[in-house]
Amino acid sequence: MSAPIVTIYSRNMCHLCEVAHETLVQLQNDYDFTIEKIDVDANADLQMLYSEQVPVIHINGKPHDFFRVDPERFKAALAEL
């Protein structure tokens, strides 16, 4: 089975986005997953969808969380895959 893909929908100059990314990078020390970062401001559709909620986290294309990454909730979601 391939590693899950964790997508962060974010924007430049977003402190919460930076914190979410750092949290996910730290979690990669213990869990196998790929981080994909997408700038919502580069796509009008994504900007309409997520502009007020960034960062938005998806796991394998499914919505998981927004604003912050809760490590325990994230680990539980990975365990369910």
PDB file of N, CA and C in Angstrom:
ATOM      1  N   MET A   1       0.839  -1.168   0.000  1.00  0.00           N
ATOM      2  CA  MET A   1       0.000   0.000   0.000  1.00  0.00           C
ATOM      3  C   MET A   1       0.893   1.243   0.000  1.00  0.00           C
ATOM      4  N   SER A   2       0.541   2.237  -0.787  1.00  0.00           N
ATOM      5  CA  SER A   2       1.351   3.448  -0.860  1.00  0.00           C
ATOM      6  C   SER A   2       1.049   4.361   0.326  1.00  0.00           C
ATOM      7  N   ALA A   3       1.987   5.253   0.578  1.00  0.00           N
ATOM      8  CA  ALA A   3       1.849   6.185   1.697  1.00  0.00           C
ATOM      9  C   ALA A   3       0.687   7.142   1.434  1.00  0.00           C
ATOM     10  N   PRO A   4      -0.059   7.479   2.469  1.00  0.00           N
ATOM     11  CA  PRO A   4      -1.143   8.453   2.316  1.00  0.00           C
ATOM     12  C   PRO A   4      -0.594   9.804   1.853  1.00  0.00           C
ATOM     13  N   ILE A   5      -1.426  10.546   1.155  1.00  0.00           N
ATOM     14  CA  ILE A   5      -1.073  11.900   0.731  1.00  0.00           C
ATOM     15  C   ILE A   5      -1.861  12.872   1.590  1.00  0.00           C
ATOM     16  N   VAL A   6      -1.130  13.734   2.275  1.00  0.00           N
ATOM     17  CA  VAL A   6      -1.740  14.755   3.118  1.00  0.00           C
ATOM     18  C   VAL A   6      -1.576  16.086   2.390  1.00  0.00           C
ATOM     19  N   THR A   7      -2.692  16.695   2.064  1.00  0.00           N
ATOM     20  CA  THR A   7      -2.683  17.945   1.323  1.00  0.00           C
ATOM     21  C   THR A   7      -2.999  19.097   2.266  1.00  0.00           C
ATOM     22  N   ILE A   8      -2.168  20.136   2.195  1.00  0.00           N
ATOM     23  CA  ILE A   8      -2.417  21.360   2.956  1.00  0.00           C
ATOM     24  C   ILE A   8      -2.813  22.435   1.959  1.00  0.00           C
ATOM     25  N   TYR A   9      -4.044  22.877   2.037  1.00  0.00           N
ATOM     26  CA  TYR A   9      -4.483  24.016   1.246  1.00  0.00           C
ATOM     27  C   TYR A   9      -4.164  25.250   2.084  1.00  0.00           C
ATOM     28  N   SER A  10      -3.256  26.081   1.586  1.00  0.00           N
ATOM     29  CA  SER A  10      -2.755  27.186   2.384  1.00  0.00           C
ATOM     30  C   SER A  10      -2.548  28.422   1.517  1.00  0.00           C
ATOM     31  N   ARG A  11      -1.919  29.428   2.111  1.00  0.00           N
ATOM     32  CA  ARG A  11      -1.569  30.635   1.370  1.00  0.00           C
ATOM     33  C   ARG A  11      -0.277  31.187   1.960  1.00  0.00           C
ATOM     34  N   ASN A  12       0.366  32.036   1.194  1.00  0.00           N
ATOM     35  CA  ASN A  12       1.588  32.686   1.658  1.00  0.00           C
ATOM     36  C   ASN A  12       1.271  33.632   2.807  1.00  0.00           C
ATOM     37  N   MET A  13       2.244  33.819   3.669  1.00  0.00           N
ATOM     38  CA  MET A  13       2.129  34.745   4.796  1.00  0.00           C
ATOM     39  C   MET A  13       0.986  34.364   5.747  1.00  0.00           C
ATOM     40  N   CYS A  14       0.783  33.080   5.920  1.00  0.00           N
ATOM     41  CA  CYS A  14      -0.274  32.567   6.806  1.00  0.00           C
ATOM     42  C   CYS A  14       0.401  31.820   7.953  1.00  0.00           C
ATOM     43  N   HIS A  15       0.371  32.422   9.143  1.00  0.00           N
ATOM     44  CA  HIS A  15       1.027  31.818  10.298  1.00  0.00           C
ATOM     45  C   HIS A  15       0.441  30.440  10.640  1.00  0.00           C
ATOM     46  N   LEU A  16      -0.880  30.319  10.634  1.00  0.00           N
ATOM     47  CA  LEU A  16      -1.489  29.019  10.939  1.00  0.00           C
ATOM     48  C   LEU A  16      -1.080  27.957   9.924  1.00  0.00           C
ATOM     49  N   CYS A  17      -0.914  28.366   8.666  1.00  0.00           N
ATOM     50  CA  CYS A  17      -0.484  27.427   7.617  1.00  0.00           C
ATOM     51  C   CYS A  17       0.933  26.931   7.902  1.00  0.00           C
ATOM     52  N   GLU A  18       1.794  27.836   8.319  1.00  0.00           N
ATOM     53  CA  GLU A  18       3.174  27.465   8.651  1.00  0.00           C
ATOM     54  C   GLU A  18       3.208  26.500   9.832  1.00  0.00           C
ATOM     55  N   VAL A  19       2.409  26.778  10.847  1.00  0.00           N
ATOM     56  CA  VAL A  19       2.360  25.910  12.023  1.00  0.00           C
ATOM     57  C   VAL A  19       1.826  24.531  11.638  1.00  0.00           C
ATOM     58  N   ALA A  20       0.783  24.480  10.824  1.00  0.00           N
ATOM     59  CA  ALA A  20       0.221  23.193  10.390  1.00  0.00           C
ATOM     60  C   ALA A  20       1.265  22.389   9.619  1.00  0.00           C
ATOM     61  N   HIS A  21       1.989  23.046   8.726  1.00  0.00           N
ATOM     62  CA  HIS A  21       3.023  22.359   7.953  1.00  0.00           C
ATOM     63  C   HIS A  21       4.116  21.832   8.871  1.00  0.00           C
ATOM     64  N   GLU A  22       4.575  22.648   9.818  1.00  0.00           N
ATOM     65  CA  GLU A  22       5.615  22.212  10.759  1.00  0.00           C
ATOM     66  C   GLU A  22       5.146  21.014  11.581  1.00  0.00           C
ATOM     67  N   THR A  23       3.898  21.032  12.015  1.00  0.00           N
ATOM     68  CA  THR A  23       3.347  19.909  12.785  1.00  0.00           C
ATOM     69  C   THR A  23       3.356  18.638  11.957  1.00  0.00           C
ATOM     70  N   LEU A  24       2.936  18.746  10.695  1.00  0.00           N
ATOM     71  CA  LEU A  24       2.918  17.569   9.817  1.00  0.00           C
ATOM     72  C   LEU A  24       4.324  17.058   9.543  1.00  0.00           C
ATOM     73  N   VAL A  25       5.282  17.953   9.353  1.00  0.00           N
ATOM     74  CA  VAL A  25       6.676  17.532   9.135  1.00  0.00           C
ATOM     75  C   VAL A  25       7.176  16.769  10.358  1.00  0.00           C
ATOM     76  N   GLN A  26       6.853  17.233  11.558  1.00  0.00           N
ATOM     77  CA  GLN A  26       7.258  16.529  12.775  1.00  0.00           C
ATOM     78  C   GLN A  26       6.604  15.148  12.851  1.00  0.00           C
ATOM     79  N   LEU A  27       5.337  15.056  12.456  1.00  0.00           N
ATOM     80  CA  LEU A  27       4.642  13.773  12.485  1.00  0.00           C
ATOM     81  C   LEU A  27       5.218  12.780  11.482  1.00  0.00           C
ATOM     82  N   GLN A  28       5.855  13.292  10.438  1.00  0.00           N
ATOM     83  CA  GLN A  28       6.476  12.404   9.450  1.00  0.00           C
ATOM     84  C   GLN A  28       7.635  11.616  10.053  1.00  0.00           C
ATOM     85  N   ASN A  29       8.167  12.044  11.186  1.00  0.00           N
ATOM     86  CA  ASN A  29       9.224  11.287  11.849  1.00  0.00           C
ATOM     87  C   ASN A  29       8.722   9.927  12.312  1.00  0.00           C
ATOM     88  N   ASP A  30       7.434   9.839  12.611  1.00  0.00           N
ATOM     89  CA  ASP A  30       6.857   8.599  13.135  1.00  0.00           C
ATOM     90  C   ASP A  30       5.879   7.903  12.200  1.00  0.00           C
ATOM     91  N   TYR A  31       5.394   8.624  11.192  1.00  0.00           N
ATOM     92  CA  TYR A  31       4.372   8.074  10.298  1.00  0.00           C
ATOM     93  C   TYR A  31       4.768   8.320   8.853  1.00  0.00           C
ATOM     94  N   ASP A  32       4.433   7.355   8.005  1.00  0.00           N
ATOM     95  CA  ASP A  32       4.777   7.432   6.592  1.00  0.00           C
ATOM     96  C   ASP A  32       3.629   8.077   5.815  1.00  0.00           C
ATOM     97  N   PHE A  33       3.830   9.307   5.372  1.00  0.00           N
ATOM     98  CA  PHE A  33       2.873   9.986   4.518  1.00  0.00           C
ATOM     99  C   PHE A  33       3.600  11.072   3.734  1.00  0.00           C
ATOM    100  N   THR A  34       3.004  11.485   2.643  1.00  0.00           N
ATOM    101  CA  THR A  34       3.557  12.527   1.777  1.00  0.00           C
ATOM    102  C   THR A  34       2.778  13.807   1.998  1.00  0.00           C
ATOM    103  N   ILE A  35       3.500  14.921   2.089  1.00  0.00           N
ATOM    104  CA  ILE A  35       2.851  16.218   2.246  1.00  0.00           C
ATOM    105  C   ILE A  35       2.831  16.919   0.894  1.00  0.00           C
ATOM    106  N   GLU A  36       1.664  17.395   0.530  1.00  0.00           N
ATOM    107  CA  GLU A  36       1.469  18.169  -0.694  1.00  0.00           C
ATOM    108  C   GLU A  36       0.887  19.517  -0.270  1.00  0.00           C
ATOM    109  N   LYS A  37       1.535  20.601  -0.663  1.00  0.00           N
ATOM    110  CA  LYS A  37       1.086  21.941  -0.282  1.00  0.00           C
ATOM    111  C   LYS A  37       0.521  22.642  -1.512  1.00  0.00           C
ATOM    112  N   ILE A  38      -0.699  23.178  -1.386  1.00  0.00           N
ATOM    113  CA  ILE A  38      -1.355  23.859  -2.504  1.00  0.00           C
ATOM    114  C   ILE A  38      -1.754  25.266  -2.055  1.00  0.00           C
ATOM    115  N   ASP A  39      -1.355  26.258  -2.853  1.00  0.00           N
ATOM    116  CA  ASP A  39      -1.666  27.658  -2.571  1.00  0.00           C
ATOM    117  C   ASP A  39      -3.071  27.962  -3.091  1.00  0.00           C
ATOM    118  N   VAL A  40      -3.997  28.236  -2.179  1.00  0.00           N
ATOM    119  CA  VAL A  40      -5.383  28.496  -2.595  1.00  0.00           C
ATOM    120  C   VAL A  40      -5.501  29.777  -3.418  1.00  0.00           C
ATOM    121  N   ASP A  41      -4.585  30.711  -3.215  1.00  0.00           N
ATOM    122  CA  ASP A  41      -4.657  31.977  -3.941  1.00  0.00           C
ATOM    123  C   ASP A  41      -4.246  31.841  -5.403  1.00  0.00           C
ATOM    124  N   ALA A  42      -3.674  30.705  -5.773  1.00  0.00           N
ATOM    125  CA  ALA A  42      -3.274  30.469  -7.156  1.00  0.00           C
ATOM    126  C   ALA A  42      -4.410  29.884  -7.996  1.00  0.00           C
ATOM    127  N   ASN A  43      -5.552  29.607  -7.354  1.00  0.00           N
ATOM    128  CA  ASN A  43      -6.671  28.981  -8.045  1.00  0.00           C
ATOM    129  C   ASN A  43      -7.967  29.610  -7.540  1.00  0.00           C
ATOM    130  N   ALA A  44      -8.705  30.258  -8.415  1.00  0.00           N
ATOM    131  CA  ALA A  44      -9.927  30.973  -8.017  1.00  0.00           C
ATOM    132  C   ALA A  44     -10.947  30.053  -7.355  1.00  0.00           C
ATOM    133  N   ASP A  45     -11.092  28.821  -7.853  1.00  0.00           N
ATOM    134  CA  ASP A  45     -12.053  27.890  -7.260  1.00  0.00           C
ATOM    135  C   ASP A  45     -11.660  27.521  -5.837  1.00  0.00           C
ATOM    136  N   LEU A  46     -10.372  27.226  -5.636  1.00  0.00           N
ATOM    137  CA  LEU A  46      -9.903  26.886  -4.292  1.00  0.00           C
ATOM    138  C   LEU A  46     -10.005  28.086  -3.358  1.00  0.00           C
ATOM    139  N   GLN A  47      -9.745  29.252  -3.891  1.00  0.00           N
ATOM    140  CA  GLN A  47      -9.847  30.461  -3.079  1.00  0.00           C
ATOM    141  C   GLN A  47     -11.284  30.650  -2.591  1.00  0.00           C
ATOM    142  N   MET A  48     -12.248  30.409  -3.467  1.00  0.00           N
ATOM    143  CA  MET A  48     -13.663  30.510  -3.079  1.00  0.00           C
ATOM    144  C   MET A  48     -14.021  29.457  -2.019  1.00  0.00           C
ATOM    145  N   LEU A  49     -13.488  28.235  -2.187  1.00  0.00           N
ATOM    146  CA  LEU A  49     -13.807  27.144  -1.263  1.00  0.00           C
ATOM    147  C   LEU A  49     -13.179  27.321   0.112  1.00  0.00           C
ATOM    148  N   TYR A  50     -11.893  27.680   0.138  1.00  0.00           N
ATOM    149  CA  TYR A  50     -11.122  27.572   1.372  1.00  0.00           C
ATOM    150  C   TYR A  50     -10.566  28.881   1.923  1.00  0.00           C
ATOM    151  N   SER A  51     -10.809  29.981   1.281  1.00  0.00           N
ATOM    152  CA  SER A  51     -10.170  31.232   1.648  1.00  0.00           C
ATOM    153  C   SER A  51     -10.277  31.571   3.136  1.00  0.00           C
ATOM    154  N   GLU A  52     -11.431  31.341   3.721  1.00  0.00           N
ATOM    155  CA  GLU A  52     -11.651  31.704   5.125  1.00  0.00           C
ATOM    156  C   GLU A  52     -11.253  30.612   6.110  1.00  0.00           C
ATOM    157  N   GLN A  53     -10.821  29.453   5.623  1.00  0.00           N
ATOM    158  CA  GLN A  53     -10.551  28.334   6.518  1.00  0.00           C
ATOM    159  C   GLN A  53      -9.099  27.869   6.517  1.00  0.00           C
ATOM    160  N   VAL A  54      -8.228  28.467   5.744  1.00  0.00           N
ATOM    161  CA  VAL A  54      -6.864  27.950   5.640  1.00  0.00           C
ATOM    162  C   VAL A  54      -6.151  27.982   6.984  1.00  0.00           C
ATOM    163  N   PRO A  55      -5.312  26.984   7.224  1.00  0.00           N
ATOM    164  CA  PRO A  55      -5.058  25.854   6.363  1.00  0.00           C
ATOM    165  C   PRO A  55      -6.175  24.807   6.442  1.00  0.00           C
ATOM    166  N   VAL A  56      -6.418  24.174   5.321  1.00  0.00           N
ATOM    167  CA  VAL A  56      -7.369  23.064   5.250  1.00  0.00           C
ATOM    168  C   VAL A  56      -6.544  21.813   4.951  1.00  0.00           C
ATOM    169  N   ILE A  57      -6.771  20.767   5.732  1.00  0.00           N
ATOM    170  CA  ILE A  57      -6.002  19.536   5.604  1.00  0.00           C
ATOM    171  C   ILE A  57      -6.894  18.435   5.042  1.00  0.00           C
ATOM    172  N   HIS A  58      -6.408  17.778   4.003  1.00  0.00           N
ATOM    173  CA  HIS A  58      -7.078  16.600   3.449  1.00  0.00           C
ATOM    174  C   HIS A  58      -6.126  15.416   3.574  1.00  0.00           C
ATOM    175  N   ILE A  59      -6.693  14.251   3.794  1.00  0.00           N
ATOM    176  CA  ILE A  59      -5.919  13.003   3.789  1.00  0.00           C
ATOM    177  C   ILE A  59      -6.473  12.147   2.666  1.00  0.00           C
ATOM    178  N   ASN A  60      -5.619  11.842   1.707  1.00  0.00           N
ATOM    179  CA  ASN A  60      -6.028  11.073   0.523  1.00  0.00           C
ATOM    180  C   ASN A  60      -7.257  11.683  -0.143  1.00  0.00           C
ATOM    181  N   GLY A  61      -7.280  13.008  -0.217  1.00  0.00           N
ATOM    182  CA  GLY A  61      -8.344  13.699  -0.915  1.00  0.00           C
ATOM    183  C   GLY A  61      -9.613  13.929  -0.120  1.00  0.00           C
ATOM    184  N   LYS A  62      -9.647  13.458   1.117  1.00  0.00           N
ATOM    185  CA  LYS A  62     -10.838  13.631   1.945  1.00  0.00           C
ATOM    186  C   LYS A  62     -10.569  14.679   3.021  1.00  0.00           C
ATOM    187  N   PRO A  63     -11.523  15.589   3.234  1.00  0.00           N
ATOM    188  CA  PRO A  63     -11.341  16.619   4.262  1.00  0.00           C
ATOM    189  C   PRO A  63     -11.064  16.005   5.632  1.00  0.00           C
ATOM    190  N   HIS A  64     -10.099  16.579   6.320  1.00  0.00           N
ATOM    191  CA  HIS A  64      -9.755  16.090   7.658  1.00  0.00           C
ATOM    192  C   HIS A  64      -9.915  17.190   8.707  1.00  0.00           C
ATOM    193  N   ASP A  65      -9.325  18.345   8.474  1.00  0.00           N
ATOM    194  CA  ASP A  65      -9.313  19.395   9.479  1.00  0.00           C
ATOM    195  C   ASP A  65      -9.069  20.743   8.834  1.00  0.00           C
ATOM    196  N   PHE A  66      -9.253  21.801   9.610  1.00  0.00           N
ATOM    197  CA  PHE A  66      -8.889  23.125   9.141  1.00  0.00           C
ATOM    198  C   PHE A  66      -8.419  23.953  10.335  1.00  0.00           C
ATOM    199  N   PHE A  67      -7.709  25.011  10.054  1.00  0.00           N
ATOM    200  CA  PHE A  67      -7.071  25.919  11.018  1.00  0.00           C
ATOM    201  C   PHE A  67      -5.869  25.298  11.720  1.00  0.00           C
ATOM    202  N   ARG A  68      -6.016  24.150  12.339  1.00  0.00           N
ATOM    203  CA  ARG A  68      -4.913  23.526  13.087  1.00  0.00           C
ATOM    204  C   ARG A  68      -4.896  22.016  12.848  1.00  0.00           C
ATOM    205  N   VAL A  69      -3.712  21.437  13.075  1.00  0.00           N
ATOM    206  CA  VAL A  69      -3.571  19.983  13.019  1.00  0.00           C
ATOM    207  C   VAL A  69      -3.508  19.486  14.458  1.00  0.00           C
ATOM    208  N   ASP A  70      -4.482  18.683  14.839  1.00  0.00           N
ATOM    209  CA  ASP A  70      -4.465  18.035  16.151  1.00  0.00           C
ATOM    210  C   ASP A  70      -3.722  16.715  15.975  1.00  0.00           C
ATOM    211  N   PRO A  71      -2.511  16.589  16.548  1.00  0.00           N
ATOM    212  CA  PRO A  71      -1.709  15.377  16.312  1.00  0.00           C
ATOM    213  C   PRO A  71      -2.430  14.077  16.651  1.00  0.00           C
ATOM    214  N   GLU A  72      -3.167  14.039  17.755  1.00  0.00           N
ATOM    215  CA  GLU A  72      -3.848  12.795  18.134  1.00  0.00           C
ATOM    216  C   GLU A  72      -4.962  12.448  17.151  1.00  0.00           C
ATOM    217  N   ARG A  73      -5.711  13.437  16.744  1.00  0.00           N
ATOM    218  CA  ARG A  73      -6.783  13.214  15.760  1.00  0.00           C
ATOM    219  C   ARG A  73      -6.172  12.786  14.421  1.00  0.00           C
ATOM    220  N   PHE A  74      -5.053  13.410  14.047  1.00  0.00           N
ATOM    221  CA  PHE A  74      -4.386  13.067  12.801  1.00  0.00           C
ATOM    222  C   PHE A  74      -3.883  11.622  12.837  1.00  0.00           C
ATOM    223  N   LYS A  75      -3.252  11.238  13.930  1.00  0.00           N
ATOM    224  CA  LYS A  75      -2.748   9.855  14.068  1.00  0.00           C
ATOM    225  C   LYS A  75      -3.893   8.848  13.982  1.00  0.00           C
ATOM    226  N   ALA A  76      -5.011   9.168  14.616  1.00  0.00           N
ATOM    227  CA  ALA A  76      -6.181   8.278  14.567  1.00  0.00           C
ATOM    228  C   ALA A  76      -6.702   8.140  13.150  1.00  0.00           C
ATOM    229  N   ALA A  77      -6.710   9.240  12.415  1.00  0.00           N
ATOM    230  CA  ALA A  77      -7.180   9.192  11.019  1.00  0.00           C
ATOM    231  C   ALA A  77      -6.251   8.328  10.166  1.00  0.00           C
ATOM    232  N   LEU A  78      -4.941   8.439  10.389  1.00  0.00           N
ATOM    233  CA  LEU A  78      -4.000   7.596   9.634  1.00  0.00           C
ATOM    234  C   LEU A  78      -4.190   6.127   9.989  1.00  0.00           C
ATOM    235  N   ALA A  79      -4.452   5.836  11.242  1.00  0.00           N
ATOM    236  CA  ALA A  79      -4.625   4.450  11.679  1.00  0.00           C
ATOM    237  C   ALA A  79      -5.850   3.801  11.039  1.00  0.00           C
ATOM    238  N   GLU A  80      -6.829   4.610  10.655  1.00  0.00           N
ATOM    239  CA  GLU A  80      -8.051   4.079  10.031  1.00  0.00           C
ATOM    240  C   GLU A  80      -7.868   3.739   8.564  1.00  0.00           C
ATOM    241  N   LEU A  81      -6.750   4.160   7.960  1.00  0.00           N
ATOM    242  CA  LEU A  81      -6.539   3.897   6.528  1.00  0.00           C
ATOM    243  C   LEU A  81      -6.160   2.466   6.272  1.00  0.00           C
TER     244      LEU A  81
END
